[in-house]
């Protein structure tokens, strides 16, 4: 075998080393573990929408790099609070 490659043979794994997950102790642990999938919910999620903007406005915010949508959101919020 080439020295740079890892040995992927599985004959070194002893199946007796794995715990028996059907025992009452393990079943209790497994049953008590909460299952959660996906991202955690946030209190005020953002809403996806379509918004038509002038090209120069969009270009201005995109020039600032990543986070341009958040910056537009901040600018709109500031305008809303001033009104």
PDB file of N, CA and C in Angstrom:
ATOM      1  N   UNK A   1       0.844  -1.183   0.000  1.00  0.00           N
ATOM      2  CA  UNK A   1       0.000   0.000   0.000  1.00  0.00           C
ATOM      3  C   UNK A   1       0.885   1.241   0.000  1.00  0.00           C
ATOM      4  N   UNK A   2       0.425   2.251  -0.692  1.00  0.00           N
ATOM      5  CA  UNK A   2       1.152   3.520  -0.785  1.00  0.00           C
ATOM      6  C   UNK A   2       1.199   4.162   0.600  1.00  0.00           C
ATOM      7  N   UNK A   3       2.334   4.741   0.978  1.00  0.00           N
ATOM      8  CA  UNK A   3       2.506   5.314   2.317  1.00  0.00           C
ATOM      9  C   UNK A   3       1.592   6.510   2.569  1.00  0.00           C
ATOM     10  N   UNK A   4       1.198   7.217   1.509  1.00  0.00           N
ATOM     11  CA  UNK A   4       0.375   8.411   1.666  1.00  0.00           C
ATOM     12  C   UNK A   4      -1.106   8.097   1.840  1.00  0.00           C
ATOM     13  N   UNK A   5      -1.498   6.872   1.635  1.00  0.00           N
ATOM     14  CA  UNK A   5      -2.909   6.525   1.738  1.00  0.00           C
ATOM     15  C   UNK A   5      -3.199   5.882   3.084  1.00  0.00           C
ATOM     16  N   UNK A   6      -4.390   6.202   3.608  1.00  0.00           N
ATOM     17  CA  UNK A   6      -4.801   5.602   4.876  1.00  0.00           C
ATOM     18  C   UNK A   6      -5.284   4.189   4.651  1.00  0.00           C
ATOM     19  N   UNK A   7      -5.098   3.360   5.654  1.00  0.00           N
ATOM     20  CA  UNK A   7      -5.613   2.002   5.602  1.00  0.00           C
ATOM     21  C   UNK A   7      -7.100   2.064   5.939  1.00  0.00           C
ATOM     22  N   UNK A   8      -7.941   1.695   4.980  1.00  0.00           N
ATOM     23  CA  UNK A   8      -9.381   1.748   5.200  1.00  0.00           C
ATOM     24  C   UNK A   8      -9.967   0.360   5.439  1.00  0.00           C
ATOM     25  N   UNK A   9      -9.121  -0.620   5.625  1.00  0.00           N
ATOM     26  CA  UNK A   9      -9.625  -1.960   5.930  1.00  0.00           C
ATOM     27  C   UNK A   9     -10.354  -1.921   7.262  1.00  0.00           C
ATOM     28  N   UNK A  10     -11.472  -2.619   7.335  1.00  0.00           N
ATOM     29  CA  UNK A  10     -12.269  -2.580   8.546  1.00  0.00           C
ATOM     30  C   UNK A  10     -12.122  -3.849   9.378  1.00  0.00           C
ATOM     31  N   UNK A  11     -11.144  -4.662   9.068  1.00  0.00           N
ATOM     32  CA  UNK A  11     -10.996  -5.889   9.839  1.00  0.00           C
ATOM     33  C   UNK A  11     -10.442  -5.622  11.239  1.00  0.00           C
ATOM     34  N   UNK A  12     -10.042  -4.415  11.543  1.00  0.00           N
ATOM     35  CA  UNK A  12      -9.529  -4.084  12.866  1.00  0.00           C
ATOM     36  C   UNK A  12     -10.652  -3.683  13.814  1.00  0.00           C
ATOM     37  N   UNK A  13     -11.868  -3.475  13.288  1.00  0.00           N
ATOM     38  CA  UNK A  13     -13.000  -3.086  14.130  1.00  0.00           C
ATOM     39  C   UNK A  13     -13.592  -4.329  14.778  1.00  0.00           C
ATOM     40  N   UNK A  14     -13.743  -4.270  16.086  1.00  0.00           N
ATOM     41  CA  UNK A  14     -14.314  -5.397  16.821  1.00  0.00           C
ATOM     42  C   UNK A  14     -15.782  -5.086  17.109  1.00  0.00           C
ATOM     43  N   UNK A  15     -16.721  -5.825  16.504  1.00  0.00           N
ATOM     44  CA  UNK A  15     -18.138  -5.532  16.725  1.00  0.00           C
ATOM     45  C   UNK A  15     -18.551  -5.701  18.184  1.00  0.00           C
ATOM     46  N   UNK A  16     -17.792  -6.429  18.974  1.00  0.00           N
ATOM     47  CA  UNK A  16     -18.124  -6.606  20.377  1.00  0.00           C
ATOM     48  C   UNK A  16     -17.835  -5.353  21.210  1.00  0.00           C
ATOM     49  N   UNK A  17     -17.098  -4.392  20.644  1.00  0.00           N
ATOM     50  CA  UNK A  17     -16.800  -3.153  21.361  1.00  0.00           C
ATOM     51  C   UNK A  17     -18.007  -2.216  21.411  1.00  0.00           C
ATOM     52  N   UNK A  18     -18.965  -2.399  20.511  1.00  0.00           N
ATOM     53  CA  UNK A  18     -20.129  -1.520  20.469  1.00  0.00           C
ATOM     54  C   UNK A  18     -21.087  -1.883  21.606  1.00  0.00           C
ATOM     55  N   UNK A  19     -21.643  -0.881  22.293  1.00  0.00           N
ATOM     56  CA  UNK A  19     -22.572  -1.188  23.382  1.00  0.00           C
ATOM     57  C   UNK A  19     -23.896  -1.719  22.833  1.00  0.00           C
ATOM     58  N   UNK A  20     -24.576  -2.499  23.623  1.00  0.00           N
ATOM     59  CA  UNK A  20     -25.895  -3.007  23.262  1.00  0.00           C
ATOM     60  C   UNK A  20     -26.911  -1.919  23.583  1.00  0.00           C
ATOM     61  N   UNK A  21     -27.440  -1.263  22.551  1.00  0.00           N
ATOM     62  CA  UNK A  21     -28.341  -0.133  22.746  1.00  0.00           C
ATOM     63  C   UNK A  21     -29.765  -0.554  23.084  1.00  0.00           C
ATOM     64  N   UNK A  22     -30.013  -1.863  23.149  1.00  0.00           N
ATOM     65  CA  UNK A  22     -31.356  -2.319  23.479  1.00  0.00           C
ATOM     66  C   UNK A  22     -31.538  -2.563  24.985  1.00  0.00           C
ATOM     67  N   UNK A  23     -30.494  -2.338  25.767  1.00  0.00           N
ATOM     68  CA  UNK A  23     -30.615  -2.523  27.216  1.00  0.00           C
ATOM     69  C   UNK A  23     -31.474  -1.400  27.798  1.00  0.00           C
ATOM     70  N   UNK A  24     -32.112  -1.649  28.936  1.00  0.00           N
ATOM     71  CA  UNK A  24     -32.989  -0.624  29.537  1.00  0.00           C
ATOM     72  C   UNK A  24     -32.267   0.702  29.810  1.00  0.00           C
ATOM     73  N   UNK A  25     -31.013   0.656  30.221  1.00  0.00           N
ATOM     74  CA  UNK A  25     -30.285   1.899  30.502  1.00  0.00           C
ATOM     75  C   UNK A  25     -30.163   2.746  29.238  1.00  0.00           C
ATOM     76  N   UNK A  26     -29.769   2.106  28.147  1.00  0.00           N
ATOM     77  CA  UNK A  26     -29.604   2.829  26.887  1.00  0.00           C
ATOM     78  C   UNK A  26     -30.948   3.277  26.333  1.00  0.00           C
ATOM     79  N   UNK A  27     -31.981   2.449  26.434  1.00  0.00           N
ATOM     80  CA  UNK A  27     -33.310   2.824  25.940  1.00  0.00           C
ATOM     81  C   UNK A  27     -33.801   4.073  26.681  1.00  0.00           C
ATOM     82  N   UNK A  28     -33.540   4.132  27.985  1.00  0.00           N
ATOM     83  CA  UNK A  28     -33.953   5.292  28.775  1.00  0.00           C
ATOM     84  C   UNK A  28     -33.233   6.550  28.294  1.00  0.00           C
ATOM     85  N   UNK A  29     -31.937   6.431  28.046  1.00  0.00           N
ATOM     86  CA  UNK A  29     -31.157   7.580  27.568  1.00  0.00           C
ATOM     87  C   UNK A  29     -31.647   8.009  26.191  1.00  0.00           C
ATOM     88  N   UNK A  30     -31.845   7.054  25.312  1.00  0.00           N
ATOM     89  CA  UNK A  30     -32.272   7.367  23.945  1.00  0.00           C
ATOM     90  C   UNK A  30     -33.663   7.997  23.947  1.00  0.00           C
ATOM     91  N   UNK A  31     -34.585   7.443  24.732  1.00  0.00           N
ATOM     92  CA  UNK A  31     -35.943   7.972  24.772  1.00  0.00           C
ATOM     93  C   UNK A  31     -36.014   9.360  25.401  1.00  0.00           C
ATOM     94  N   UNK A  32     -35.102   9.671  26.308  1.00  0.00           N
ATOM     95  CA  UNK A  32     -35.116  10.967  26.986  1.00  0.00           C
ATOM     96  C   UNK A  32     -34.435  12.064  26.168  1.00  0.00           C
ATOM     97  N   UNK A  33     -33.735  11.690  25.113  1.00  0.00           N
ATOM     98  CA  UNK A  33     -33.016  12.671  24.304  1.00  0.00           C
ATOM     99  C   UNK A  33     -33.996  13.376  23.372  1.00  0.00           C
ATOM    100  N   UNK A  34     -34.102  14.714  23.478  1.00  0.00           N
ATOM    101  CA  UNK A  34     -35.033  15.428  22.597  1.00  0.00           C
ATOM    102  C   UNK A  34     -34.525  15.426  21.152  1.00  0.00           C
ATOM    103  N   UNK A  35     -35.457  15.327  20.235  1.00  0.00           N
ATOM    104  CA  UNK A  35     -35.112  15.343  18.817  1.00  0.00           C
ATOM    105  C   UNK A  35     -35.506  16.702  18.259  1.00  0.00           C
ATOM    106  N   UNK A  36     -34.552  17.396  17.705  1.00  0.00           N
ATOM    107  CA  UNK A  36     -34.858  18.678  17.066  1.00  0.00           C
ATOM    108  C   UNK A  36     -34.158  18.711  15.720  1.00  0.00           C
ATOM    109  N   UNK A  37     -34.890  19.145  14.730  1.00  0.00           N
ATOM    110  CA  UNK A  37     -34.343  19.188  13.379  1.00  0.00           C
ATOM    111  C   UNK A  37     -34.344  20.623  12.883  1.00  0.00           C
ATOM    112  N   UNK A  38     -33.383  20.930  12.052  1.00  0.00           N
ATOM    113  CA  UNK A  38     -33.338  22.241  11.426  1.00  0.00           C
ATOM    114  C   UNK A  38     -32.779  23.313  12.338  1.00  0.00           C
ATOM    115  N   UNK A  39     -32.881  24.541  11.846  1.00  0.00           N
ATOM    116  CA  UNK A  39     -32.381  25.677  12.604  1.00  0.00           C
ATOM    117  C   UNK A  39     -33.328  26.015  13.747  1.00  0.00           C
ATOM    118  N   UNK A  40     -32.796  26.569  14.818  1.00  0.00           N
ATOM    119  CA  UNK A  40     -33.683  26.997  15.910  1.00  0.00           C
ATOM    120  C   UNK A  40     -34.608  28.124  15.412  1.00  0.00           C
ATOM    121  N   UNK A  41     -35.821  28.133  15.896  1.00  0.00           N
ATOM    122  CA  UNK A  41     -36.762  29.182  15.504  1.00  0.00           C
ATOM    123  C   UNK A  41     -36.368  30.494  16.169  1.00  0.00           C
ATOM    124  N   UNK A  42     -36.539  31.576  15.416  1.00  0.00           N
ATOM    125  CA  UNK A  42     -36.260  32.896  15.960  1.00  0.00           C
ATOM    126  C   UNK A  42     -37.596  33.586  16.221  1.00  0.00           C
ATOM    127  N   UNK A  43     -37.649  34.511  17.178  1.00  0.00           N
ATOM    128  CA  UNK A  43     -38.920  35.115  17.554  1.00  0.00           C
ATOM    129  C   UNK A  43     -39.588  35.921  16.425  1.00  0.00           C
ATOM    130  N   UNK A  44     -38.801  36.601  15.618  1.00  0.00           N
ATOM    131  CA  UNK A  44     -39.355  37.436  14.559  1.00  0.00           C
ATOM    132  C   UNK A  44     -38.638  37.107  13.242  1.00  0.00           C
ATOM    133  N   UNK A  45     -39.044  36.026  12.574  1.00  0.00           N
ATOM    134  CA  UNK A  45     -38.352  35.651  11.341  1.00  0.00           C
ATOM    135  C   UNK A  45     -38.600  36.666  10.229  1.00  0.00           C
ATOM    136  N   UNK A  46     -37.654  36.785   9.342  1.00  0.00           N
ATOM    137  CA  UNK A  46     -37.807  37.685   8.202  1.00  0.00           C
ATOM    138  C   UNK A  46     -38.739  37.044   7.189  1.00  0.00           C
ATOM    139  N   UNK A  47     -39.378  37.870   6.412  1.00  0.00           N
ATOM    140  CA  UNK A  47     -40.337  37.408   5.410  1.00  0.00           C
ATOM    141  C   UNK A  47     -39.735  37.631   4.031  1.00  0.00           C
ATOM    142  N   UNK A  48     -39.776  36.598   3.221  1.00  0.00           N
ATOM    143  CA  UNK A  48     -39.279  36.711   1.859  1.00  0.00           C
ATOM    144  C   UNK A  48     -40.299  37.461   1.014  1.00  0.00           C
ATOM    145  N   UNK A  49     -39.808  38.434   0.258  1.00  0.00           N
ATOM    146  CA  UNK A  49     -40.692  39.226  -0.591  1.00  0.00           C
ATOM    147  C   UNK A  49     -39.948  39.654  -1.846  1.00  0.00           C
ATOM    148  N   UNK A  50     -40.676  40.174  -2.798  1.00  0.00           N
ATOM    149  CA  UNK A  50     -40.063  40.716  -4.010  1.00  0.00           C
ATOM    150  C   UNK A  50     -40.208  42.224  -3.950  1.00  0.00           C
ATOM    151  N   UNK A  51     -39.127  42.929  -4.202  1.00  0.00           N
ATOM    152  CA  UNK A  51     -39.119  44.379  -4.111  1.00  0.00           C
ATOM    153  C   UNK A  51     -38.391  44.924  -5.327  1.00  0.00           C
ATOM    154  N   UNK A  52     -39.015  45.857  -6.019  1.00  0.00           N
ATOM    155  CA  UNK A  52     -38.374  46.453  -7.191  1.00  0.00           C
ATOM    156  C   UNK A  52     -37.664  47.740  -6.758  1.00  0.00           C
ATOM    157  N   UNK A  53     -36.354  47.797  -7.022  1.00  0.00           N
ATOM    158  CA  UNK A  53     -35.547  48.958  -6.651  1.00  0.00           C
ATOM    159  C   UNK A  53     -34.884  49.529  -7.893  1.00  0.00           C
ATOM    160  N   UNK A  54     -34.586  50.822  -7.847  1.00  0.00           N
ATOM    161  CA  UNK A  54     -33.831  51.426  -8.945  1.00  0.00           C
ATOM    162  C   UNK A  54     -32.437  50.805  -8.983  1.00  0.00           C
ATOM    163  N   UNK A  55     -31.879  50.696 -10.177  1.00  0.00           N
ATOM    164  CA  UNK A  55     -30.583  50.040 -10.372  1.00  0.00           C
ATOM    165  C   UNK A  55     -29.475  50.720  -9.575  1.00  0.00           C
ATOM    166  N   UNK A  56     -29.494  52.073  -9.538  1.00  0.00           N
ATOM    167  CA  UNK A  56     -28.414  52.775  -8.827  1.00  0.00           C
ATOM    168  C   UNK A  56     -28.468  52.528  -7.317  1.00  0.00           C
ATOM    169  N   UNK A  57     -29.662  52.368  -6.766  1.00  0.00           N
ATOM    170  CA  UNK A  57     -29.786  52.082  -5.335  1.00  0.00           C
ATOM    171  C   UNK A  57     -29.237  50.692  -5.037  1.00  0.00           C
ATOM    172  N   UNK A  58     -29.635  49.720  -5.834  1.00  0.00           N
ATOM    173  CA  UNK A  58     -29.152  48.352  -5.649  1.00  0.00           C
ATOM    174  C   UNK A  58     -27.636  48.285  -5.818  1.00  0.00           C
ATOM    175  N   UNK A  59     -27.118  48.976  -6.820  1.00  0.00           N
ATOM    176  CA  UNK A  59     -25.665  48.989  -7.043  1.00  0.00           C
ATOM    177  C   UNK A  59     -24.932  49.585  -5.845  1.00  0.00           C
ATOM    178  N   UNK A  60     -25.482  50.656  -5.278  1.00  0.00           N
ATOM    179  CA  UNK A  60     -24.867  51.301  -4.120  1.00  0.00           C
ATOM    180  C   UNK A  60     -24.723  50.316  -2.951  1.00  0.00           C
ATOM    181  N   UNK A  61     -25.790  49.592  -2.639  1.00  0.00           N
ATOM    182  CA  UNK A  61     -25.746  48.670  -1.509  1.00  0.00           C
ATOM    183  C   UNK A  61     -24.881  47.444  -1.814  1.00  0.00           C
ATOM    184  N   UNK A  62     -24.914  46.963  -3.047  1.00  0.00           N
ATOM    185  CA  UNK A  62     -24.108  45.790  -3.398  1.00  0.00           C
ATOM    186  C   UNK A  62     -22.615  46.103  -3.395  1.00  0.00           C
ATOM    187  N   UNK A  63     -22.249  47.334  -3.663  1.00  0.00           N
ATOM    188  CA  UNK A  63     -20.827  47.708  -3.640  1.00  0.00           C
ATOM    189  C   UNK A  63     -20.223  47.515  -2.260  1.00  0.00           C
ATOM    190  N   UNK A  64     -21.046  47.569  -1.235  1.00  0.00           N
ATOM    191  CA  UNK A  64     -20.575  47.395   0.139  1.00  0.00           C
ATOM    192  C   UNK A  64     -20.209  45.956   0.464  1.00  0.00           C
ATOM    193  N   UNK A  65     -20.448  45.032  -0.469  1.00  0.00           N
ATOM    194  CA  UNK A  65     -20.089  43.634  -0.255  1.00  0.00           C
ATOM    195  C   UNK A  65     -21.193  42.850   0.433  1.00  0.00           C
ATOM    196  N   UNK A  66     -20.823  41.680   0.962  1.00  0.00           N
ATOM    197  CA  UNK A  66     -21.809  40.826   1.612  1.00  0.00           C
ATOM    198  C   UNK A  66     -22.555  41.569   2.725  1.00  0.00           C
ATOM    199  N   UNK A  67     -23.823  41.247   2.874  1.00  0.00           N
ATOM    200  CA  UNK A  67     -24.647  41.914   3.871  1.00  0.00           C
ATOM    201  C   UNK A  67     -25.447  43.061   3.291  1.00  0.00           C
ATOM    202  N   UNK A  68     -25.439  43.191   1.957  1.00  0.00           N
ATOM    203  CA  UNK A  68     -26.127  44.319   1.340  1.00  0.00           C
ATOM    204  C   UNK A  68     -27.625  44.286   1.606  1.00  0.00           C
ATOM    205  N   UNK A  69     -28.219  43.107   1.686  1.00  0.00           N
ATOM    206  CA  UNK A  69     -29.654  43.029   1.966  1.00  0.00           C
ATOM    207  C   UNK A  69     -29.950  43.503   3.389  1.00  0.00           C
ATOM    208  N   UNK A  70     -29.085  43.149   4.319  1.00  0.00           N
ATOM    209  CA  UNK A  70     -29.260  43.605   5.704  1.00  0.00           C
ATOM    210  C   UNK A  70     -29.107  45.120   5.791  1.00  0.00           C
ATOM    211  N   UNK A  71     -28.190  45.674   4.999  1.00  0.00           N
ATOM    212  CA  UNK A  71     -28.019  47.129   5.014  1.00  0.00           C
ATOM    213  C   UNK A  71     -29.248  47.838   4.449  1.00  0.00           C
ATOM    214  N   UNK A  72     -29.858  47.254   3.422  1.00  0.00           N
ATOM    215  CA  UNK A  72     -31.106  47.830   2.899  1.00  0.00           C
ATOM    216  C   UNK A  72     -32.173  47.770   3.986  1.00  0.00           C
ATOM    217  N   UNK A  73     -32.245  46.652   4.691  1.00  0.00           N
ATOM    218  CA  UNK A  73     -33.225  46.499   5.768  1.00  0.00           C
ATOM    219  C   UNK A  73     -33.003  47.573   6.841  1.00  0.00           C
ATOM    220  N   UNK A  74     -31.734  47.810   7.200  1.00  0.00           N
ATOM    221  CA  UNK A  74     -31.418  48.828   8.211  1.00  0.00           C
ATOM    222  C   UNK A  74     -31.830  50.218   7.738  1.00  0.00           C
ATOM    223  N   UNK A  75     -31.559  50.523   6.462  1.00  0.00           N
ATOM    224  CA  UNK A  75     -31.918  51.838   5.920  1.00  0.00           C
ATOM    225  C   UNK A  75     -33.430  52.025   5.921  1.00  0.00           C
ATOM    226  N   UNK A  76     -34.169  50.988   5.578  1.00  0.00           N
ATOM    227  CA  UNK A  76     -35.615  51.070   5.597  1.00  0.00           C
ATOM    228  C   UNK A  76     -36.140  51.238   7.020  1.00  0.00           C
ATOM    229  N   UNK A  77     -35.522  50.537   7.974  1.00  0.00           N
ATOM    230  CA  UNK A  77     -35.941  50.653   9.372  1.00  0.00           C
ATOM    231  C   UNK A  77     -35.703  52.076   9.887  1.00  0.00           C
ATOM    232  N   UNK A  78     -34.525  52.649   9.564  1.00  0.00           N
ATOM    233  CA  UNK A  78     -34.236  54.034   9.989  1.00  0.00           C
ATOM    234  C   UNK A  78     -35.255  54.995   9.423  1.00  0.00           C
ATOM    235  N   UNK A  79     -35.617  54.795   8.156  1.00  0.00           N
ATOM    236  CA  UNK A  79     -36.616  55.658   7.518  1.00  0.00           C
ATOM    237  C   UNK A  79     -37.962  55.507   8.195  1.00  0.00           C
ATOM    238  N   UNK A  80     -38.316  54.269   8.530  1.00  0.00           N
ATOM    239  CA  UNK A  80     -39.600  54.003   9.186  1.00  0.00           C
ATOM    240  C   UNK A  80     -39.645  54.688  10.560  1.00  0.00           C
ATOM    241  N   UNK A  81     -38.549  54.626  11.318  1.00  0.00           N
ATOM    242  CA  UNK A  81     -38.521  55.201  12.664  1.00  0.00           C
ATOM    243  C   UNK A  81     -38.538  56.737  12.637  1.00  0.00           C
ATOM    244  N   UNK A  82     -38.006  57.321  11.568  1.00  0.00           N
ATOM    245  CA  UNK A  82     -38.006  58.775  11.444  1.00  0.00           C
ATOM    246  C   UNK A  82     -39.400  59.305  11.089  1.00  0.00           C
ATOM    247  N   UNK A  83     -40.182  58.484  10.432  1.00  0.00           N
ATOM    248  CA  UNK A  83     -41.518  58.936   9.957  1.00  0.00           C
ATOM    249  C   UNK A  83     -42.507  59.067  11.079  1.00  0.00           C
TER     250      UNK A  83
END
